[in-house]
């Protein structure tokens, strides 16, 4: 399942997004998101998270997203690289254009 809402005016996501058990691709680039709900961690089938071009200052805990293949959070305001050490299927990370000052312990 794919949920694609790029280039809209989204400022928030509902917490119940974590109930989308079969969601494999979440594409939210080019919105006005300042944070992602922690329930993102419940999307165990998620393979692709694209949140490029928002206003995010941090990313929620992603360590439970074991199917994740691509993570794109470029052009935000993220200050710390998320912990992705246990995401063995992860092949691509795009984080340019942020304010990264720290790298998570599991990187």
PDB file of N, CA and C in Angstrom:
ATOM      1  N   UNK A   1       0.841  -1.177   0.000  1.00  0.00           N
ATOM      2  CA  UNK A   1       0.000   0.000   0.000  1.00  0.00           C
ATOM      3  C   UNK A   1       0.883   1.236   0.000  1.00  0.00           C
ATOM      4  N   UNK A   2       0.466   2.231  -0.761  1.00  0.00           N
ATOM      5  CA  UNK A   2       1.186   3.504  -0.856  1.00  0.00           C
ATOM      6  C   UNK A   2       0.259   4.626  -0.436  1.00  0.00           C
ATOM      7  N   UNK A   3       0.767   5.529   0.398  1.00  0.00           N
ATOM      8  CA  UNK A   3       0.056   6.764   0.723  1.00  0.00           C
ATOM      9  C   UNK A   3       0.940   7.895   0.255  1.00  0.00           C
ATOM     10  N   UNK A   4       0.502   8.604  -0.761  1.00  0.00           N
ATOM     11  CA  UNK A   4       1.275   9.700  -1.325  1.00  0.00           C
ATOM     12  C   UNK A   4       0.502  11.000  -1.235  1.00  0.00           C
ATOM     13  N   UNK A   5       1.039  11.926  -0.443  1.00  0.00           N
ATOM     14  CA  UNK A   5       0.436  13.254  -0.292  1.00  0.00           C
ATOM     15  C   UNK A   5       1.502  14.333  -0.435  1.00  0.00           C
ATOM     16  N   UNK A   6       2.349  14.240  -1.457  1.00  0.00           N
ATOM     17  CA  UNK A   6       3.396  15.252  -1.605  1.00  0.00           C
ATOM     18  C   UNK A   6       2.839  16.586  -2.072  1.00  0.00           C
ATOM     19  N   UNK A   7       3.567  17.649  -1.743  1.00  0.00           N
ATOM     20  CA  UNK A   7       3.285  19.007  -2.225  1.00  0.00           C
ATOM     21  C   UNK A   7       1.874  19.470  -1.882  1.00  0.00           C
ATOM     22  N   UNK A   8       1.521  19.298  -0.627  1.00  0.00           N
ATOM     23  CA  UNK A   8       0.264  19.828  -0.102  1.00  0.00           C
ATOM     24  C   UNK A   8       0.587  20.816   1.008  1.00  0.00           C
ATOM     25  N   UNK A   9      -0.355  21.069   1.870  1.00  0.00           N
ATOM     26  CA  UNK A   9      -0.157  22.019   2.965  1.00  0.00           C
ATOM     27  C   UNK A   9      -0.280  21.345   4.323  1.00  0.00           C
ATOM     28  N   UNK A  10       0.055  20.065   4.393  1.00  0.00           N
ATOM     29  CA  UNK A  10      -0.074  19.315   5.643  1.00  0.00           C
ATOM     30  C   UNK A  10       0.886  19.849   6.701  1.00  0.00           C
ATOM     31  N   UNK A  11       0.335  20.172   7.867  1.00  0.00           N
ATOM     32  CA  UNK A  11       1.160  20.610   8.987  1.00  0.00           C
ATOM     33  C   UNK A  11       1.279  19.521  10.044  1.00  0.00           C
ATOM     34  N   UNK A  12       0.312  18.602  10.082  1.00  0.00           N
ATOM     35  CA  UNK A  12       0.329  17.509  11.050  1.00  0.00           C
ATOM     36  C   UNK A  12      -0.223  16.245  10.402  1.00  0.00           C
ATOM     37  N   UNK A  13       0.066  15.130  11.031  1.00  0.00           N
ATOM     38  CA  UNK A  13      -0.514  13.845  10.655  1.00  0.00           C
ATOM     39  C   UNK A  13      -1.282  13.323  11.855  1.00  0.00           C
ATOM     40  N   UNK A  14      -2.381  12.644  11.637  1.00  0.00           N
ATOM     41  CA  UNK A  14      -3.119  12.102  12.777  1.00  0.00           C
ATOM     42  C   UNK A  14      -2.362  10.935  13.407  1.00  0.00           C
ATOM     43  N   UNK A  15      -2.466  10.791  14.718  1.00  0.00           N
ATOM     44  CA  UNK A  15      -1.775   9.680  15.394  1.00  0.00           C
ATOM     45  C   UNK A  15      -2.219   8.311  14.886  1.00  0.00           C
ATOM     46  N   UNK A  16      -3.456   8.209  14.404  1.00  0.00           N
ATOM     47  CA  UNK A  16      -3.950   6.904  13.963  1.00  0.00           C
ATOM     48  C   UNK A  16      -3.325   6.447  12.650  1.00  0.00           C
ATOM     49  N   UNK A  17      -2.383   7.213  12.103  1.00  0.00           N
ATOM     50  CA  UNK A  17      -1.662   6.746  10.914  1.00  0.00           C
ATOM     51  C   UNK A  17      -0.917   5.450  11.239  1.00  0.00           C
ATOM     52  N   UNK A  18      -0.591   5.261  12.502  1.00  0.00           N
ATOM     53  CA  UNK A  18       0.081   4.043  12.932  1.00  0.00           C
ATOM     54  C   UNK A  18      -0.777   2.794  12.815  1.00  0.00           C
ATOM     55  N   UNK A  19      -2.069   2.969  12.512  1.00  0.00           N
ATOM     56  CA  UNK A  19      -2.983   1.834  12.352  1.00  0.00           C
ATOM     57  C   UNK A  19      -2.971   1.266  10.937  1.00  0.00           C
ATOM     58  N   UNK A  20      -2.241   1.868  10.021  1.00  0.00           N
ATOM     59  CA  UNK A  20      -2.199   1.416   8.629  1.00  0.00           C
ATOM     60  C   UNK A  20      -1.188   0.272   8.512  1.00  0.00           C
ATOM     61  N   UNK A  21      -1.594  -0.891   8.949  1.00  0.00           N
ATOM     62  CA  UNK A  21      -0.695  -2.041   9.095  1.00  0.00           C
ATOM     63  C   UNK A  21       0.012  -2.469   7.820  1.00  0.00           C
ATOM     64  N   UNK A  22      -0.593  -2.268   6.663  1.00  0.00           N
ATOM     65  CA  UNK A  22      -0.009  -2.728   5.407  1.00  0.00           C
ATOM     66  C   UNK A  22       0.682  -1.616   4.619  1.00  0.00           C
ATOM     67  N   UNK A  23       0.818  -0.456   5.217  1.00  0.00           N
ATOM     68  CA  UNK A  23       1.428   0.672   4.518  1.00  0.00           C
ATOM     69  C   UNK A  23       2.910   0.389   4.269  1.00  0.00           C
ATOM     70  N   UNK A  24       3.299   0.387   2.996  1.00  0.00           N
ATOM     71  CA  UNK A  24       4.686   0.103   2.625  1.00  0.00           C
ATOM     72  C   UNK A  24       5.439   1.367   2.218  1.00  0.00           C
ATOM     73  N   UNK A  25       4.726   2.354   1.672  1.00  0.00           N
ATOM     74  CA  UNK A  25       5.384   3.573   1.206  1.00  0.00           C
ATOM     75  C   UNK A  25       4.585   4.782   1.670  1.00  0.00           C
ATOM     76  N   UNK A  26       5.268   5.680   2.367  1.00  0.00           N
ATOM     77  CA  UNK A  26       4.643   6.905   2.867  1.00  0.00           C
ATOM     78  C   UNK A  26       5.416   8.075   2.282  1.00  0.00           C
ATOM     79  N   UNK A  27       4.756   8.815   1.403  1.00  0.00           N
ATOM     80  CA  UNK A  27       5.405   9.911   0.671  1.00  0.00           C
ATOM     81  C   UNK A  27       4.740  11.225   1.045  1.00  0.00           C
ATOM     82  N   UNK A  28       5.454  12.031   1.806  1.00  0.00           N
ATOM     83  CA  UNK A  28       4.915  13.281   2.349  1.00  0.00           C
ATOM     84  C   UNK A  28       5.821  14.468   2.047  1.00  0.00           C
ATOM     85  N   UNK A  29       6.636  14.366   1.026  1.00  0.00           N
ATOM     86  CA  UNK A  29       7.582  15.432   0.737  1.00  0.00           C
ATOM     87  C   UNK A  29       6.862  16.717   0.320  1.00  0.00           C
ATOM     88  N   UNK A  30       7.496  17.849   0.635  1.00  0.00           N
ATOM     89  CA  UNK A  30       6.994  19.152   0.209  1.00  0.00           C
ATOM     90  C   UNK A  30       5.748  19.616   0.921  1.00  0.00           C
ATOM     91  N   UNK A  31       5.619  19.314   2.197  1.00  0.00           N
ATOM     92  CA  UNK A  31       4.506  19.798   3.001  1.00  0.00           C
ATOM     93  C   UNK A  31       5.024  20.765   4.061  1.00  0.00           C
ATOM     94  N   UNK A  32       4.278  20.932   5.135  1.00  0.00           N
ATOM     95  CA  UNK A  32       4.669  21.843   6.214  1.00  0.00           C
ATOM     96  C   UNK A  32       4.766  21.113   7.553  1.00  0.00           C
ATOM     97  N   UNK A  33       5.103  19.848   7.501  1.00  0.00           N
ATOM     98  CA  UNK A  33       5.168  19.044   8.718  1.00  0.00           C
ATOM     99  C   UNK A  33       6.297  19.515   9.627  1.00  0.00           C
ATOM    100  N   UNK A  34       5.991  19.703  10.904  1.00  0.00           N
ATOM    101  CA  UNK A  34       7.007  20.079  11.886  1.00  0.00           C
ATOM    102  C   UNK A  34       7.402  18.891  12.746  1.00  0.00           C
ATOM    103  N   UNK A  35       6.562  17.857  12.763  1.00  0.00           N
ATOM    104  CA  UNK A  35       6.870  16.637  13.502  1.00  0.00           C
ATOM    105  C   UNK A  35       6.060  15.496  12.918  1.00  0.00           C
ATOM    106  N   UNK A  36       6.549  14.290  13.161  1.00  0.00           N
ATOM    107  CA  UNK A  36       5.821  13.087  12.779  1.00  0.00           C
ATOM    108  C   UNK A  36       5.331  12.424  14.065  1.00  0.00           C
ATOM    109  N   UNK A  37       4.131  11.881  14.058  1.00  0.00           N
ATOM    110  CA  UNK A  37       3.638  11.249  15.290  1.00  0.00           C
ATOM    111  C   UNK A  37       4.469  10.022  15.647  1.00  0.00           C
ATOM    112  N   UNK A  38       4.659   9.773  16.939  1.00  0.00           N
ATOM    113  CA  UNK A  38       5.442   8.606  17.344  1.00  0.00           C
ATOM    114  C   UNK A  38       4.834   7.288  16.876  1.00  0.00           C
ATOM    115  N   UNK A  39       3.557   7.305  16.522  1.00  0.00           N
ATOM    116  CA  UNK A  39       2.891   6.093  16.047  1.00  0.00           C
ATOM    117  C   UNK A  39       3.420   5.628  14.694  1.00  0.00           C
ATOM    118  N   UNK A  40       4.253   6.420  14.050  1.00  0.00           N
ATOM    119  CA  UNK A  40       4.934   5.985  12.821  1.00  0.00           C
ATOM    120  C   UNK A  40       5.683   4.679  13.100  1.00  0.00           C
ATOM    121  N   UNK A  41       6.144   4.520  14.338  1.00  0.00           N
ATOM    122  CA  UNK A  41       6.903   3.325  14.727  1.00  0.00           C
ATOM    123  C   UNK A  41       6.070   2.050  14.624  1.00  0.00           C
ATOM    124  N   UNK A  42       4.753   2.171  14.528  1.00  0.00           N
ATOM    125  CA  UNK A  42       3.872   1.001  14.425  1.00  0.00           C
ATOM    126  C   UNK A  42       3.702   0.520  12.986  1.00  0.00           C
ATOM    127  N   UNK A  43       4.272   1.223  12.027  1.00  0.00           N
ATOM    128  CA  UNK A  43       4.126   0.865  10.612  1.00  0.00           C
ATOM    129  C   UNK A  43       5.178  -0.178  10.236  1.00  0.00           C
ATOM    130  N   UNK A  44       5.021  -1.376  10.742  1.00  0.00           N
ATOM    131  CA  UNK A  44       6.041  -2.418  10.604  1.00  0.00           C
ATOM    132  C   UNK A  44       6.289  -2.868   9.168  1.00  0.00           C
ATOM    133  N   UNK A  45       5.360  -2.616   8.253  1.00  0.00           N
ATOM    134  CA  UNK A  45       5.548  -2.998   6.847  1.00  0.00           C
ATOM    135  C   UNK A  45       6.190  -1.878   6.029  1.00  0.00           C
ATOM    136  N   UNK A  46       6.455  -0.735   6.662  1.00  0.00           N
ATOM    137  CA  UNK A  46       6.952   0.435   5.929  1.00  0.00           C
ATOM    138  C   UNK A  46       8.337   0.177   5.349  1.00  0.00           C
ATOM    139  N   UNK A  47       8.461   0.372   4.030  1.00  0.00           N
ATOM    140  CA  UNK A  47       9.730   0.207   3.326  1.00  0.00           C
ATOM    141  C   UNK A  47      10.329   1.547   2.923  1.00  0.00           C
ATOM    142  N   UNK A  48       9.487   2.547   2.748  1.00  0.00           N
ATOM    143  CA  UNK A  48       9.949   3.838   2.237  1.00  0.00           C
ATOM    144  C   UNK A  48       9.262   4.965   2.987  1.00  0.00           C
ATOM    145  N   UNK A  49      10.064   5.839   3.583  1.00  0.00           N
ATOM    146  CA  UNK A  49       9.554   7.031   4.257  1.00  0.00           C
ATOM    147  C   UNK A  49      10.208   8.234   3.606  1.00  0.00           C
ATOM    148  N   UNK A  50       9.393   9.041   2.938  1.00  0.00           N
ATOM    149  CA  UNK A  50       9.901  10.222   2.243  1.00  0.00           C
ATOM    150  C   UNK A  50       9.241  11.462   2.839  1.00  0.00           C
ATOM    151  N   UNK A  51      10.028  12.236   3.577  1.00  0.00           N
ATOM    152  CA  UNK A  51       9.527  13.458   4.206  1.00  0.00           C
ATOM    153  C   UNK A  51      10.411  14.654   3.847  1.00  0.00           C
ATOM    154  N   UNK A  52      11.061  14.584   2.713  1.00  0.00           N
ATOM    155  CA  UNK A  52      11.922  15.661   2.229  1.00  0.00           C
ATOM    156  C   UNK A  52      11.131  16.954   2.061  1.00  0.00           C
ATOM    157  N   UNK A  53      11.772  18.078   2.382  1.00  0.00           N
ATOM    158  CA  UNK A  53      11.174  19.381   2.119  1.00  0.00           C
ATOM    159  C   UNK A  53      10.037  19.751   3.040  1.00  0.00           C
ATOM    160  N   UNK A  54      10.151  19.420   4.319  1.00  0.00           N
ATOM    161  CA  UNK A  54       9.188  19.845   5.328  1.00  0.00           C
ATOM    162  C   UNK A  54       9.896  20.755   6.328  1.00  0.00           C
ATOM    163  N   UNK A  55       9.377  20.842   7.532  1.00  0.00           N
ATOM    164  CA  UNK A  55       9.971  21.673   8.575  1.00  0.00           C
ATOM    165  C   UNK A  55      10.316  20.843   9.808  1.00  0.00           C
ATOM    166  N   UNK A  56      10.633  19.573   9.600  1.00  0.00           N
ATOM    167  CA  UNK A  56      10.909  18.660  10.712  1.00  0.00           C
ATOM    168  C   UNK A  56      12.197  19.040  11.430  1.00  0.00           C
ATOM    169  N   UNK A  57      12.143  19.051  12.755  1.00  0.00           N
ATOM    170  CA  UNK A  57      13.345  19.312  13.547  1.00  0.00           C
ATOM    171  C   UNK A  57      13.921  18.025  14.117  1.00  0.00           C
ATOM    172  N   UNK A  58      13.125  16.956  14.108  1.00  0.00           N
ATOM    173  CA  UNK A  58      13.563  15.653  14.604  1.00  0.00           C
ATOM    174  C   UNK A  58      12.721  14.579  13.930  1.00  0.00           C
ATOM    175  N   UNK A  59      13.215  13.362  13.979  1.00  0.00           N
ATOM    176  CA  UNK A  59      12.462  12.212  13.491  1.00  0.00           C
ATOM    177  C   UNK A  59      12.103  11.333  14.676  1.00  0.00           C
ATOM    178  N   UNK A  60      10.951  10.680  14.639  1.00  0.00           N
ATOM    179  CA  UNK A  60      10.585   9.793  15.736  1.00  0.00           C
ATOM    180  C   UNK A  60      11.456   8.533  15.731  1.00  0.00           C
ATOM    181  N   UNK A  61      11.260   7.693  16.712  1.00  0.00           N
ATOM    182  CA  UNK A  61      11.979   6.430  16.810  1.00  0.00           C
ATOM    183  C   UNK A  61      11.643   5.577  15.586  1.00  0.00           C
ATOM    184  N   UNK A  62      12.655   5.209  14.837  1.00  0.00           N
ATOM    185  CA  UNK A  62      12.468   4.404  13.628  1.00  0.00           C
ATOM    186  C   UNK A  62      13.020   2.992  13.802  1.00  0.00           C
ATOM    187  N   UNK A  63      13.507   2.656  14.970  1.00  0.00           N
ATOM    188  CA  UNK A  63      14.222   1.395  15.167  1.00  0.00           C
ATOM    189  C   UNK A  63      13.350   0.151  15.015  1.00  0.00           C
ATOM    190  N   UNK A  64      12.030   0.302  15.043  1.00  0.00           N
ATOM    191  CA  UNK A  64      11.128  -0.844  14.892  1.00  0.00           C
ATOM    192  C   UNK A  64      10.704  -1.064  13.439  1.00  0.00           C
ATOM    193  N   UNK A  65      11.143  -0.210  12.548  1.00  0.00           N
ATOM    194  CA  UNK A  65      10.741  -0.294  11.137  1.00  0.00           C
ATOM    195  C   UNK A  65      11.732  -1.176  10.380  1.00  0.00           C
ATOM    196  N   UNK A  66      11.701  -2.453  10.680  1.00  0.00           N
ATOM    197  CA  UNK A  66      12.705  -3.391  10.189  1.00  0.00           C
ATOM    198  C   UNK A  66      12.628  -3.669   8.696  1.00  0.00           C
ATOM    199  N   UNK A  67      11.546  -3.278   8.034  1.00  0.00           N
ATOM    200  CA  UNK A  67      11.421  -3.459   6.579  1.00  0.00           C
ATOM    201  C   UNK A  67      11.932  -2.251   5.798  1.00  0.00           C
ATOM    202  N   UNK A  68      12.311  -1.183   6.502  1.00  0.00           N
ATOM    203  CA  UNK A  68      12.699   0.078   5.860  1.00  0.00           C
ATOM    204  C   UNK A  68      13.874  -0.132   4.902  1.00  0.00           C
ATOM    205  N   UNK A  69      13.675   0.326   3.659  1.00  0.00           N
ATOM    206  CA  UNK A  69      14.699   0.248   2.623  1.00  0.00           C
ATOM    207  C   UNK A  69      15.216   1.651   2.288  1.00  0.00           C
ATOM    208  N   UNK A  70      14.323   2.632   2.287  1.00  0.00           N
ATOM    209  CA  UNK A  70      14.725   3.998   1.935  1.00  0.00           C
ATOM    210  C   UNK A  70      14.146   4.998   2.928  1.00  0.00           C
ATOM    211  N   UNK A  71      15.019   5.879   3.416  1.00  0.00           N
ATOM    212  CA  UNK A  71      14.647   6.955   4.326  1.00  0.00           C
ATOM    213  C   UNK A  71      15.131   8.257   3.721  1.00  0.00           C
ATOM    214  N   UNK A  72      14.204   9.159   3.439  1.00  0.00           N
ATOM    215  CA  UNK A  72      14.560  10.451   2.851  1.00  0.00           C
ATOM    216  C   UNK A  72      13.960  11.563   3.703  1.00  0.00           C
ATOM    217  N   UNK A  73      14.842  12.314   4.381  1.00  0.00           N
ATOM    218  CA  UNK A  73      14.399  13.438   5.200  1.00  0.00           C
ATOM    219  C   UNK A  73      15.208  14.702   4.885  1.00  0.00           C
ATOM    220  N   UNK A  74      15.673  14.799   3.668  1.00  0.00           N
ATOM    221  CA  UNK A  74      16.490  15.937   3.233  1.00  0.00           C
ATOM    222  C   UNK A  74      15.681  17.241   3.290  1.00  0.00           C
ATOM    223  N   UNK A  75      16.413  18.346   3.367  1.00  0.00           N
ATOM    224  CA  UNK A  75      15.820  19.684   3.334  1.00  0.00           C
ATOM    225  C   UNK A  75      14.756  19.897   4.404  1.00  0.00           C
ATOM    226  N   UNK A  76      15.134  19.580   5.634  1.00  0.00           N
ATOM    227  CA  UNK A  76      14.324  19.864   6.806  1.00  0.00           C
ATOM    228  C   UNK A  76      15.187  20.656   7.778  1.00  0.00           C
ATOM    229  N   UNK A  77      14.912  20.532   9.074  1.00  0.00           N
ATOM    230  CA  UNK A  77      15.691  21.205  10.112  1.00  0.00           C
ATOM    231  C   UNK A  77      16.158  20.216  11.177  1.00  0.00           C
ATOM    232  N   UNK A  78      16.348  18.974  10.764  1.00  0.00           N
ATOM    233  CA  UNK A  78      16.730  17.900  11.681  1.00  0.00           C
ATOM    234  C   UNK A  78      18.138  18.153  12.209  1.00  0.00           C
ATOM    235  N   UNK A  79      18.308  18.021  13.535  1.00  0.00           N
ATOM    236  CA  UNK A  79      19.599  18.291  14.164  1.00  0.00           C
ATOM    237  C   UNK A  79      20.364  17.035  14.555  1.00  0.00           C
ATOM    238  N   UNK A  80      19.677  15.889  14.637  1.00  0.00           N
ATOM    239  CA  UNK A  80      20.346  14.652  15.029  1.00  0.00           C
ATOM    240  C   UNK A  80      19.989  13.540  14.056  1.00  0.00           C
ATOM    241  N   UNK A  81      21.011  12.862  13.594  1.00  0.00           N
ATOM    242  CA  UNK A  81      20.820  11.725  12.704  1.00  0.00           C
ATOM    243  C   UNK A  81      20.087  10.637  13.476  1.00  0.00           C
ATOM    244  N   UNK A  82      19.002  10.097  12.939  1.00  0.00           N
ATOM    245  CA  UNK A  82      18.252   9.076  13.673  1.00  0.00           C
ATOM    246  C   UNK A  82      19.036   7.779  13.813  1.00  0.00           C
ATOM    247  N   UNK A  83      18.692   7.019  14.835  1.00  0.00           N
ATOM    248  CA  UNK A  83      19.301   5.725  15.071  1.00  0.00           C
ATOM    249  C   UNK A  83      18.731   4.734  14.063  1.00  0.00           C
ATOM    250  N   UNK A  84      19.561   4.260  13.162  1.00  0.00           N
ATOM    251  CA  UNK A  84      19.127   3.322  12.122  1.00  0.00           C
ATOM    252  C   UNK A  84      19.984   2.055  12.130  1.00  0.00           C
ATOM    253  N   UNK A  85      20.746   1.865  13.190  1.00  0.00           N
ATOM    254  CA  UNK A  85      21.693   0.759  13.253  1.00  0.00           C
ATOM    255  C   UNK A  85      21.083  -0.616  13.093  1.00  0.00           C
ATOM    256  N   UNK A  86      19.864  -0.825  13.569  1.00  0.00           N
ATOM    257  CA  UNK A  86      19.248  -2.137  13.483  1.00  0.00           C
ATOM    258  C   UNK A  86      18.426  -2.368  12.232  1.00  0.00           C
ATOM    259  N   UNK A  87      18.389  -1.389  11.361  1.00  0.00           N
ATOM    260  CA  UNK A  87      17.581  -1.496  10.142  1.00  0.00           C
ATOM    261  C   UNK A  87      18.423  -2.133   9.044  1.00  0.00           C
ATOM    262  N   UNK A  88      18.509  -3.445   9.077  1.00  0.00           N
ATOM    263  CA  UNK A  88      19.416  -4.189   8.206  1.00  0.00           C
ATOM    264  C   UNK A  88      19.049  -4.119   6.728  1.00  0.00           C
ATOM    265  N   UNK A  89      17.795  -3.825   6.408  1.00  0.00           N
ATOM    266  CA  UNK A  89      17.375  -3.748   5.003  1.00  0.00           C
ATOM    267  C   UNK A  89      17.554  -2.350   4.420  1.00  0.00           C
ATOM    268  N   UNK A  90      17.883  -1.390   5.254  1.00  0.00           N
ATOM    269  CA  UNK A  90      18.019  -0.004   4.811  1.00  0.00           C
ATOM    270  C   UNK A  90      19.155   0.123   3.799  1.00  0.00           C
ATOM    271  N   UNK A  91      18.836   0.648   2.616  1.00  0.00           N
ATOM    272  CA  UNK A  91      19.819   0.795   1.542  1.00  0.00           C
ATOM    273  C   UNK A  91      20.141   2.250   1.235  1.00  0.00           C
ATOM    274  N   UNK A  92      19.180   3.145   1.449  1.00  0.00           N
ATOM    275  CA  UNK A  92      19.388   4.552   1.098  1.00  0.00           C
ATOM    276  C   UNK A  92      18.919   5.451   2.228  1.00  0.00           C
ATOM    277  N   UNK A  93      19.766   6.428   2.560  1.00  0.00           N
ATOM    278  CA  UNK A  93      19.421   7.471   3.523  1.00  0.00           C
ATOM    279  C   UNK A  93      19.755   8.802   2.867  1.00  0.00           C
ATOM    280  N   UNK A  94      18.771   9.668   2.782  1.00  0.00           N
ATOM    281  CA  UNK A  94      18.967  10.999   2.207  1.00  0.00           C
ATOM    282  C   UNK A  94      18.664  12.015   3.300  1.00  0.00           C
ATOM    283  N   UNK A  95      19.702  12.685   3.781  1.00  0.00           N
ATOM    284  CA  UNK A  95      19.524  13.637   4.874  1.00  0.00           C
ATOM    285  C   UNK A  95      20.209  14.973   4.648  1.00  0.00           C
ATOM    286  N   UNK A  96      20.542  15.286   3.420  1.00  0.00           N
ATOM    287  CA  UNK A  96      21.234  16.553   3.144  1.00  0.00           C
ATOM    288  C   UNK A  96      20.308  17.743   3.394  1.00  0.00           C
ATOM    289  N   UNK A  97      20.899  18.926   3.560  1.00  0.00           N
ATOM    290  CA  UNK A  97      20.121  20.153   3.724  1.00  0.00           C
ATOM    291  C   UNK A  97      19.417  20.263   5.064  1.00  0.00           C
ATOM    292  N   UNK A  98      19.989  19.658   6.109  1.00  0.00           N
ATOM    293  CA  UNK A  98      19.444  19.751   7.461  1.00  0.00           C
ATOM    294  C   UNK A  98      20.421  20.514   8.344  1.00  0.00           C
ATOM    295  N   UNK A  99      20.260  20.379   9.633  1.00  0.00           N
ATOM    296  CA  UNK A  99      21.148  21.030  10.611  1.00  0.00           C
ATOM    297  C   UNK A  99      21.776  19.972  11.520  1.00  0.00           C
ATOM    298  N   UNK A 100      22.179  18.857  10.949  1.00  0.00           N
ATOM    299  CA  UNK A 100      22.652  17.722  11.734  1.00  0.00           C
ATOM    300  C   UNK A 100      23.949  18.081  12.460  1.00  0.00           C
ATOM    301  N   UNK A 101      23.902  17.905  13.774  1.00  0.00           N
ATOM    302  CA  UNK A 101      25.064  18.182  14.636  1.00  0.00           C
ATOM    303  C   UNK A 101      25.516  16.924  15.365  1.00  0.00           C
ATOM    304  N   UNK A 102      24.594  15.950  15.447  1.00  0.00           N
ATOM    305  CA  UNK A 102      24.898  14.710  16.162  1.00  0.00           C
ATOM    306  C   UNK A 102      24.431  13.526  15.326  1.00  0.00           C
ATOM    307  N   UNK A 103      25.166  12.449  15.463  1.00  0.00           N
ATOM    308  CA  UNK A 103      24.804  11.199  14.801  1.00  0.00           C
ATOM    309  C   UNK A 103      24.380  10.225  15.899  1.00  0.00           C
ATOM    310  N   UNK A 104      23.219   9.592  15.717  1.00  0.00           N
ATOM    311  CA  UNK A 104      22.691   8.664  16.709  1.00  0.00           C
ATOM    312  C   UNK A 104      23.663   7.537  17.023  1.00  0.00           C
ATOM    313  N   UNK A 105      23.512   6.912  18.198  1.00  0.00           N
ATOM    314  CA  UNK A 105      24.458   5.894  18.646  1.00  0.00           C
ATOM    315  C   UNK A 105      24.484   4.650  17.776  1.00  0.00           C
ATOM    316  N   UNK A 106      23.383   4.343  17.089  1.00  0.00           N
ATOM    317  CA  UNK A 106      23.336   3.125  16.305  1.00  0.00           C
ATOM    318  C   UNK A 106      23.630   3.315  14.833  1.00  0.00           C
ATOM    319  N   UNK A 107      24.263   4.409  14.484  1.00  0.00           N
ATOM    320  CA  UNK A 107      24.524   4.669  13.071  1.00  0.00           C
ATOM    321  C   UNK A 107      25.795   4.005  12.637  1.00  0.00           C
TER     322      UNK A 107
END
